[in-house]
Amino acid sequence: MSSKQAKVVGLVRFRMGDGPMCKVPRGSVEVTLAANDATLSWDAGDSKQSAAIPMHEFNRMVREHAIVMG
């Protein structure tokens, strides 16, 4: 797995388990790429949050410029 820096600049949503869709806040994130998914991690005040997003959804968000790598 490799980690890269990125910036969320548009609507990035993920589902927490079987629950509702949640938004990743705009700003800097660390992206860890695996074979099937991308995990986005970010600071949320005094805690660290993360979201696993299926690779096809992650790639779509990059193509649509909701996530900017680098």
N, C-alpha and C. Protein backbone atom coordinates (compact mmCIF):
# COMPACT_ATOMS: atom_id res chain seq x y z
N MET A 1 0.84 -1.18 0.00
CA MET A 1 0.00 0.00 0.00
C MET A 1 0.88 1.25 0.00
N SER A 2 0.39 2.27 -0.66
CA SER A 2 1.14 3.51 -0.71
C SER A 2 0.25 4.65 -0.24
N SER A 3 0.86 5.62 0.43
CA SER A 3 0.12 6.79 0.91
C SER A 3 0.52 8.02 0.11
N LYS A 4 -0.47 8.85 -0.19
CA LYS A 4 -0.24 10.09 -0.93
C LYS A 4 -1.07 11.19 -0.31
N GLN A 5 -0.65 12.42 -0.52
CA GLN A 5 -1.41 13.57 -0.05
C GLN A 5 -2.40 13.99 -1.14
N ALA A 6 -3.54 14.47 -0.70
CA ALA A 6 -4.56 14.94 -1.64
C ALA A 6 -5.37 16.03 -0.95
N LYS A 7 -6.25 16.65 -1.72
CA LYS A 7 -7.12 17.68 -1.18
C LYS A 7 -8.54 17.40 -1.65
N VAL A 8 -9.48 17.41 -0.71
CA VAL A 8 -10.89 17.29 -1.05
C VAL A 8 -11.39 18.70 -1.35
N VAL A 9 -11.87 18.89 -2.58
CA VAL A 9 -12.32 20.22 -3.01
C VAL A 9 -13.78 20.20 -3.46
N GLY A 10 -14.38 19.04 -3.48
CA GLY A 10 -15.78 18.90 -3.90
C GLY A 10 -16.51 17.93 -2.98
N LEU A 11 -17.63 17.44 -3.45
CA LEU A 11 -18.44 16.52 -2.66
C LEU A 11 -17.84 15.13 -2.68
N VAL A 12 -17.39 14.67 -1.52
CA VAL A 12 -16.87 13.31 -1.36
C VAL A 12 -17.68 12.67 -0.25
N ARG A 13 -18.39 11.60 -0.60
CA ARG A 13 -19.26 10.94 0.37
C ARG A 13 -18.88 9.48 0.50
N PHE A 14 -19.18 8.92 1.67
CA PHE A 14 -18.93 7.50 1.93
C PHE A 14 -20.02 6.99 2.86
N ARG A 15 -20.19 5.69 2.88
CA ARG A 15 -21.19 5.09 3.75
C ARG A 15 -20.48 4.45 4.94
N MET A 16 -20.95 4.80 6.14
CA MET A 16 -20.40 4.22 7.36
C MET A 16 -21.15 2.91 7.64
N GLY A 17 -20.53 1.79 7.28
CA GLY A 17 -21.18 0.50 7.48
C GLY A 17 -22.48 0.43 6.71
N ASP A 18 -23.55 0.08 7.39
CA ASP A 18 -24.88 0.05 6.77
C ASP A 18 -25.65 1.33 7.00
N GLY A 19 -24.98 2.33 7.54
CA GLY A 19 -25.63 3.59 7.90
C GLY A 19 -25.76 4.55 6.75
N PRO A 20 -26.04 5.80 7.09
CA PRO A 20 -26.26 6.83 6.07
C PRO A 20 -24.96 7.28 5.40
N MET A 21 -25.12 7.98 4.29
CA MET A 21 -23.97 8.58 3.62
C MET A 21 -23.46 9.74 4.45
N CYS A 22 -22.13 9.85 4.55
CA CYS A 22 -21.48 10.93 5.29
C CYS A 22 -20.52 11.64 4.35
N LYS A 23 -20.22 12.90 4.66
CA LYS A 23 -19.31 13.70 3.84
C LYS A 23 -17.91 13.71 4.44
N VAL A 24 -16.92 13.69 3.57
CA VAL A 24 -15.55 13.96 3.97
C VAL A 24 -15.39 15.47 3.88
N PRO A 25 -14.91 16.12 4.94
CA PRO A 25 -14.79 17.58 4.89
C PRO A 25 -13.76 18.03 3.86
N ARG A 26 -13.97 19.21 3.32
CA ARG A 26 -13.01 19.78 2.37
C ARG A 26 -11.70 20.06 3.10
N GLY A 27 -10.60 19.85 2.41
CA GLY A 27 -9.29 20.10 2.98
C GLY A 27 -8.34 18.96 2.69
N SER A 28 -7.21 18.98 3.38
CA SER A 28 -6.14 18.00 3.15
C SER A 28 -6.51 16.64 3.71
N VAL A 29 -6.18 15.60 2.95
CA VAL A 29 -6.37 14.22 3.37
C VAL A 29 -5.14 13.42 2.98
N GLU A 30 -4.94 12.32 3.67
CA GLU A 30 -3.94 11.34 3.28
C GLU A 30 -4.70 10.19 2.62
N VAL A 31 -4.24 9.75 1.46
CA VAL A 31 -4.90 8.69 0.72
C VAL A 31 -3.99 7.47 0.72
N THR A 32 -4.51 6.34 1.18
CA THR A 32 -3.79 5.07 1.14
C THR A 32 -4.50 4.19 0.13
N LEU A 33 -3.77 3.83 -0.92
CA LEU A 33 -4.34 3.04 -2.00
C LEU A 33 -4.08 1.57 -1.78
N ALA A 34 -5.10 0.75 -1.98
CA ALA A 34 -4.99 -0.70 -1.93
C ALA A 34 -5.60 -1.24 -3.23
N ALA A 35 -5.63 -2.54 -3.38
CA ALA A 35 -6.13 -3.13 -4.62
C ALA A 35 -7.60 -2.79 -4.87
N ASN A 36 -8.42 -2.82 -3.82
CA ASN A 36 -9.85 -2.67 -3.99
C ASN A 36 -10.44 -1.36 -3.50
N ASP A 37 -9.66 -0.61 -2.71
CA ASP A 37 -10.22 0.62 -2.17
C ASP A 37 -9.15 1.65 -1.88
N ALA A 38 -9.63 2.85 -1.60
CA ALA A 38 -8.75 3.96 -1.18
C ALA A 38 -9.26 4.39 0.18
N THR A 39 -8.35 4.53 1.14
CA THR A 39 -8.72 5.01 2.47
C THR A 39 -8.26 6.44 2.60
N LEU A 40 -9.20 7.32 2.89
CA LEU A 40 -8.92 8.73 3.11
C LEU A 40 -8.87 8.97 4.61
N SER A 41 -7.84 9.64 5.09
CA SER A 41 -7.69 9.97 6.51
C SER A 41 -7.52 11.47 6.65
N TRP A 42 -8.13 12.04 7.70
CA TRP A 42 -8.04 13.47 7.93
C TRP A 42 -8.16 13.75 9.41
N ASP A 43 -7.68 14.93 9.80
CA ASP A 43 -7.79 15.37 11.19
C ASP A 43 -9.14 16.04 11.39
N ALA A 44 -9.81 15.66 12.47
CA ALA A 44 -11.10 16.25 12.82
C ALA A 44 -11.01 16.75 14.25
N GLY A 45 -10.43 17.93 14.39
CA GLY A 45 -10.23 18.48 15.74
C GLY A 45 -9.17 17.68 16.48
N ASP A 46 -9.57 17.02 17.55
CA ASP A 46 -8.62 16.26 18.36
C ASP A 46 -8.60 14.77 18.02
N SER A 47 -9.24 14.38 16.91
CA SER A 47 -9.24 12.97 16.53
C SER A 47 -8.92 12.82 15.05
N LYS A 48 -8.58 11.61 14.68
CA LYS A 48 -8.29 11.28 13.28
C LYS A 48 -9.47 10.48 12.75
N GLN A 49 -9.98 10.85 11.58
CA GLN A 49 -11.10 10.16 10.95
C GLN A 49 -10.61 9.49 9.67
N SER A 50 -11.32 8.46 9.24
CA SER A 50 -10.97 7.81 7.99
C SER A 50 -12.20 7.23 7.32
N ALA A 51 -12.09 7.03 6.03
CA ALA A 51 -13.18 6.47 5.23
C ALA A 51 -12.58 5.60 4.14
N ALA A 52 -13.08 4.40 4.00
CA ALA A 52 -12.67 3.51 2.91
C ALA A 52 -13.68 3.67 1.78
N ILE A 53 -13.18 3.95 0.59
CA ILE A 53 -14.02 4.19 -0.57
C ILE A 53 -13.62 3.19 -1.65
N PRO A 54 -14.60 2.48 -2.24
CA PRO A 54 -14.26 1.55 -3.32
C PRO A 54 -13.46 2.26 -4.42
N MET A 55 -12.52 1.54 -5.00
CA MET A 55 -11.60 2.15 -5.97
C MET A 55 -12.34 2.78 -7.15
N HIS A 56 -13.41 2.16 -7.65
CA HIS A 56 -14.12 2.75 -8.79
C HIS A 56 -14.76 4.09 -8.40
N GLU A 57 -15.24 4.22 -7.16
CA GLU A 57 -15.80 5.49 -6.70
C GLU A 57 -14.70 6.53 -6.50
N PHE A 58 -13.58 6.11 -5.92
CA PHE A 58 -12.46 7.02 -5.73
C PHE A 58 -11.98 7.56 -7.08
N ASN A 59 -11.80 6.68 -8.06
CA ASN A 59 -11.34 7.11 -9.38
C ASN A 59 -12.33 8.09 -10.02
N ARG A 60 -13.63 7.85 -9.83
CA ARG A 60 -14.64 8.78 -10.36
C ARG A 60 -14.50 10.15 -9.70
N MET A 61 -14.30 10.18 -8.38
CA MET A 61 -14.17 11.45 -7.67
C MET A 61 -12.93 12.21 -8.12
N VAL A 62 -11.86 11.49 -8.43
CA VAL A 62 -10.65 12.14 -8.96
C VAL A 62 -10.91 12.69 -10.36
N ARG A 63 -11.56 11.88 -11.21
CA ARG A 63 -11.88 12.35 -12.56
C ARG A 63 -12.78 13.58 -12.55
N GLU A 64 -13.71 13.61 -11.60
CA GLU A 64 -14.65 14.73 -11.52
C GLU A 64 -14.08 15.91 -10.71
N HIS A 65 -12.82 15.81 -10.29
CA HIS A 65 -12.09 16.87 -9.58
C HIS A 65 -12.67 17.18 -8.20
N ALA A 66 -13.34 16.21 -7.58
CA ALA A 66 -13.77 16.37 -6.19
C ALA A 66 -12.58 16.10 -5.25
N ILE A 67 -11.65 15.27 -5.73
CA ILE A 67 -10.40 14.99 -5.02
C ILE A 67 -9.26 15.35 -5.95
N VAL A 68 -8.33 16.16 -5.47
CA VAL A 68 -7.16 16.56 -6.26
C VAL A 68 -5.94 15.94 -5.61
N MET A 69 -5.26 15.09 -6.36
CA MET A 69 -4.07 14.42 -5.84
C MET A 69 -2.88 15.37 -5.90
N GLY A 70 -1.97 15.18 -4.93
CA GLY A 70 -0.73 15.92 -4.95
C GLY A 70 -0.68 17.15 -4.10
